[in-house]
Amino acid sequence: NGKGMFIFMCPEDCFSTEKVVNHVKSLPESFKKWIANNYGDSEIDKIKFTAYLCMKAADDTVVNGWLASQTDMLANDWVIVE
């Protein structure tokens, strides 16, 4: 749909609950409460984030959690870039 677009995988990672609660912008208050009820708010407690796909869009933004459409999956113009 545009020049310079590509997808990439963000690998799984673990972050401290303190980092998630205090440094992730626009985190819903309900999720902060869930963390407090299930983990606490410390550097020791960790939350695992699973791997996901991202897309670098034509307007130079990054789309987190990109999902391929059926048309994307069946396209024959995919190229692996090393």
N, C-alpha and C. Protein backbone atom coordinates (compact mmCIF):
# COMPACT_ATOMS: atom_id res chain seq x y z
N ASN A 1 0.81 -1.22 0.00
CA ASN A 1 0.00 0.00 0.00
C ASN A 1 0.84 1.27 0.00
N GLY A 2 2.15 1.14 0.12
CA GLY A 2 3.01 2.31 0.12
C GLY A 2 4.47 1.91 0.10
N LYS A 3 5.32 2.81 -0.29
CA LYS A 3 6.76 2.51 -0.37
C LYS A 3 7.39 2.50 1.02
N GLY A 4 8.38 1.64 1.17
CA GLY A 4 9.14 1.58 2.41
C GLY A 4 8.44 0.87 3.55
N MET A 5 7.34 0.18 3.26
CA MET A 5 6.63 -0.53 4.31
C MET A 5 7.27 -1.90 4.52
N PHE A 6 7.29 -2.38 5.76
CA PHE A 6 7.77 -3.72 6.04
C PHE A 6 7.22 -4.17 7.39
N ILE A 7 7.26 -5.48 7.63
CA ILE A 7 6.84 -6.02 8.92
C ILE A 7 8.05 -6.60 9.62
N PHE A 8 7.97 -6.64 10.94
CA PHE A 8 9.03 -7.26 11.73
C PHE A 8 8.42 -7.79 13.01
N MET A 9 9.14 -8.72 13.63
CA MET A 9 8.64 -9.33 14.86
C MET A 9 9.32 -8.68 16.06
N CYS A 10 8.55 -8.26 17.02
CA CYS A 10 9.08 -7.85 18.31
C CYS A 10 9.11 -9.11 19.17
N PRO A 11 10.28 -9.49 19.65
CA PRO A 11 10.38 -10.73 20.42
C PRO A 11 9.73 -10.60 21.79
N GLU A 12 9.46 -11.74 22.40
CA GLU A 12 8.88 -11.70 23.75
C GLU A 12 9.88 -11.05 24.69
N ASP A 13 9.35 -10.48 25.75
CA ASP A 13 10.20 -9.80 26.71
C ASP A 13 9.49 -9.78 28.05
N CYS A 14 10.22 -9.51 29.11
CA CYS A 14 9.65 -9.34 30.44
C CYS A 14 10.00 -7.95 30.95
N PHE A 15 9.03 -7.31 31.56
CA PHE A 15 9.24 -5.98 32.13
C PHE A 15 8.77 -6.00 33.58
N SER A 16 9.45 -5.21 34.39
CA SER A 16 9.04 -5.12 35.79
C SER A 16 7.67 -4.45 35.86
N THR A 17 6.90 -4.81 36.87
CA THR A 17 5.59 -4.18 37.02
C THR A 17 5.74 -2.68 37.25
N GLU A 18 6.82 -2.27 37.90
CA GLU A 18 7.07 -0.84 38.12
C GLU A 18 7.21 -0.12 36.79
N LYS A 19 7.97 -0.72 35.87
CA LYS A 19 8.18 -0.11 34.56
C LYS A 19 6.86 -0.04 33.78
N VAL A 20 6.08 -1.11 33.80
CA VAL A 20 4.81 -1.15 33.07
C VAL A 20 3.86 -0.09 33.61
N VAL A 21 3.71 -0.04 34.92
CA VAL A 21 2.74 0.89 35.53
C VAL A 21 3.18 2.34 35.39
N ASN A 22 4.46 2.61 35.56
CA ASN A 22 4.92 4.00 35.62
C ASN A 22 5.48 4.56 34.32
N HIS A 23 5.72 3.71 33.32
CA HIS A 23 6.37 4.21 32.11
C HIS A 23 5.62 3.92 30.81
N VAL A 24 4.61 3.05 30.84
CA VAL A 24 3.83 2.79 29.63
C VAL A 24 2.74 3.84 29.54
N LYS A 25 2.82 4.65 28.49
CA LYS A 25 1.83 5.73 28.32
C LYS A 25 0.48 5.13 27.96
N SER A 26 -0.56 5.79 28.34
CA SER A 26 -1.97 5.44 28.04
C SER A 26 -2.38 4.06 28.54
N LEU A 27 -1.74 3.59 29.60
CA LEU A 27 -2.12 2.31 30.18
C LEU A 27 -3.44 2.48 30.90
N PRO A 28 -4.45 1.66 30.59
CA PRO A 28 -5.75 1.80 31.25
C PRO A 28 -5.64 1.61 32.77
N GLU A 29 -6.39 2.39 33.49
CA GLU A 29 -6.40 2.30 34.96
C GLU A 29 -6.80 0.89 35.41
N SER A 30 -7.69 0.25 34.66
CA SER A 30 -8.12 -1.11 35.02
C SER A 30 -6.95 -2.09 34.97
N PHE A 31 -6.03 -1.90 34.02
CA PHE A 31 -4.87 -2.79 33.94
C PHE A 31 -3.91 -2.51 35.08
N LYS A 32 -3.75 -1.25 35.45
CA LYS A 32 -2.91 -0.90 36.61
C LYS A 32 -3.46 -1.56 37.87
N LYS A 33 -4.78 -1.54 38.03
CA LYS A 33 -5.40 -2.19 39.19
C LYS A 33 -5.19 -3.70 39.14
N TRP A 34 -5.29 -4.28 37.96
CA TRP A 34 -5.07 -5.72 37.81
C TRP A 34 -3.65 -6.07 38.22
N ILE A 35 -2.66 -5.26 37.78
CA ILE A 35 -1.27 -5.50 38.18
C ILE A 35 -1.13 -5.41 39.69
N ALA A 36 -1.70 -4.37 40.30
CA ALA A 36 -1.60 -4.20 41.75
C ALA A 36 -2.21 -5.38 42.50
N ASN A 37 -3.33 -5.91 42.00
CA ASN A 37 -4.01 -7.03 42.66
C ASN A 37 -3.31 -8.36 42.44
N ASN A 38 -2.59 -8.50 41.31
CA ASN A 38 -2.01 -9.79 40.96
C ASN A 38 -0.50 -9.85 41.07
N TYR A 39 0.17 -8.73 41.04
CA TYR A 39 1.63 -8.73 41.04
C TYR A 39 2.24 -7.82 42.09
N GLY A 40 1.68 -6.68 42.30
CA GLY A 40 2.33 -5.66 43.10
C GLY A 40 2.98 -4.65 42.16
N ASP A 41 3.77 -3.73 42.71
CA ASP A 41 4.38 -2.67 41.91
C ASP A 41 5.85 -2.57 42.30
N SER A 42 6.66 -3.49 41.76
CA SER A 42 8.06 -3.52 42.17
C SER A 42 8.97 -3.78 40.98
N GLU A 43 10.26 -3.64 41.23
CA GLU A 43 11.27 -3.97 40.23
C GLU A 43 11.47 -5.48 40.13
N ILE A 44 11.02 -6.21 41.16
CA ILE A 44 11.24 -7.66 41.21
C ILE A 44 10.19 -8.41 40.41
N ASP A 45 8.92 -8.02 40.57
CA ASP A 45 7.83 -8.69 39.87
C ASP A 45 7.90 -8.37 38.39
N LYS A 46 7.75 -9.40 37.54
CA LYS A 46 7.86 -9.24 36.09
C LYS A 46 6.57 -9.67 35.40
N ILE A 47 6.27 -9.02 34.30
CA ILE A 47 5.15 -9.40 33.45
C ILE A 47 5.72 -9.77 32.09
N LYS A 48 5.32 -10.94 31.59
CA LYS A 48 5.80 -11.41 30.30
C LYS A 48 4.94 -10.83 29.19
N PHE A 49 5.58 -10.23 28.21
CA PHE A 49 4.91 -9.76 27.00
C PHE A 49 5.30 -10.72 25.88
N THR A 50 4.32 -11.33 25.23
CA THR A 50 4.60 -12.28 24.17
C THR A 50 5.04 -11.56 22.90
N ALA A 51 5.65 -12.32 21.99
CA ALA A 51 6.10 -11.77 20.71
C ALA A 51 4.89 -11.32 19.89
N TYR A 52 5.11 -10.33 19.05
CA TYR A 52 4.05 -9.84 18.18
C TYR A 52 4.65 -9.20 16.94
N LEU A 53 3.84 -9.07 15.91
CA LEU A 53 4.28 -8.45 14.66
C LEU A 53 4.02 -6.96 14.67
N CYS A 54 4.92 -6.21 14.07
CA CYS A 54 4.76 -4.77 13.89
C CYS A 54 4.91 -4.47 12.40
N MET A 55 4.35 -3.36 11.97
CA MET A 55 4.52 -2.93 10.59
C MET A 55 5.04 -1.50 10.58
N LYS A 56 6.10 -1.26 9.81
CA LYS A 56 6.57 0.09 9.57
C LYS A 56 5.72 0.59 8.40
N ALA A 57 4.89 1.59 8.65
CA ALA A 57 3.94 2.08 7.66
C ALA A 57 4.59 3.10 6.72
N ALA A 58 3.90 3.43 5.65
CA ALA A 58 4.40 4.37 4.65
C ALA A 58 4.62 5.76 5.23
N ASP A 59 3.87 6.12 6.28
CA ASP A 59 4.02 7.45 6.89
C ASP A 59 5.06 7.46 8.01
N ASP A 60 5.89 6.41 8.07
CA ASP A 60 6.98 6.26 9.03
C ASP A 60 6.53 6.04 10.47
N THR A 61 5.28 5.67 10.69
CA THR A 61 4.83 5.25 12.01
C THR A 61 5.01 3.74 12.12
N VAL A 62 4.95 3.21 13.34
CA VAL A 62 5.03 1.77 13.56
C VAL A 62 3.70 1.31 14.13
N VAL A 63 3.11 0.33 13.47
CA VAL A 63 1.84 -0.25 13.91
C VAL A 63 2.17 -1.48 14.74
N ASN A 64 1.86 -1.43 16.05
CA ASN A 64 2.09 -2.57 16.94
C ASN A 64 0.94 -3.55 16.84
N GLY A 65 1.26 -4.82 16.86
CA GLY A 65 0.21 -5.83 16.81
C GLY A 65 -0.43 -5.94 15.45
N TRP A 66 0.36 -5.77 14.38
CA TRP A 66 -0.16 -5.85 13.02
C TRP A 66 -0.63 -7.25 12.71
N LEU A 67 -1.76 -7.37 12.04
CA LEU A 67 -2.31 -8.66 11.62
C LEU A 67 -2.44 -8.69 10.11
N ALA A 68 -1.96 -9.76 9.50
CA ALA A 68 -2.07 -9.90 8.05
C ALA A 68 -3.50 -10.24 7.65
N SER A 69 -3.96 -9.57 6.60
CA SER A 69 -5.27 -9.91 6.04
C SER A 69 -5.11 -11.15 5.16
N GLN A 70 -6.20 -11.73 4.71
CA GLN A 70 -6.11 -12.87 3.80
C GLN A 70 -5.40 -12.47 2.51
N THR A 71 -5.66 -11.26 2.04
CA THR A 71 -5.00 -10.77 0.83
C THR A 71 -3.50 -10.66 1.06
N ASP A 72 -3.10 -10.14 2.23
CA ASP A 72 -1.67 -10.06 2.57
C ASP A 72 -1.03 -11.45 2.57
N MET A 73 -1.68 -12.40 3.21
CA MET A 73 -1.10 -13.73 3.34
C MET A 73 -0.97 -14.44 2.00
N LEU A 74 -1.88 -14.19 1.08
CA LEU A 74 -1.87 -14.86 -0.21
C LEU A 74 -1.09 -14.10 -1.28
N ALA A 75 -0.60 -12.93 -0.95
CA ALA A 75 0.15 -12.14 -1.94
C ALA A 75 1.43 -12.87 -2.32
N ASN A 76 1.87 -12.63 -3.54
CA ASN A 76 3.08 -13.30 -4.02
C ASN A 76 4.27 -12.34 -4.15
N ASP A 77 4.17 -11.18 -3.51
CA ASP A 77 5.25 -10.20 -3.61
C ASP A 77 6.02 -10.02 -2.30
N TRP A 78 5.92 -11.00 -1.40
CA TRP A 78 6.68 -10.95 -0.16
C TRP A 78 8.16 -11.17 -0.45
N VAL A 79 9.02 -10.44 0.28
CA VAL A 79 10.46 -10.57 0.13
C VAL A 79 11.08 -10.61 1.52
N ILE A 80 12.01 -11.53 1.75
CA ILE A 80 12.72 -11.58 3.02
C ILE A 80 13.94 -10.68 2.90
N VAL A 81 14.07 -9.75 3.85
CA VAL A 81 15.19 -8.83 3.87
C VAL A 81 16.12 -9.24 5.01
N GLU A 82 17.36 -9.48 4.69
CA GLU A 82 18.34 -9.87 5.71
C GLU A 82 18.93 -8.65 6.36
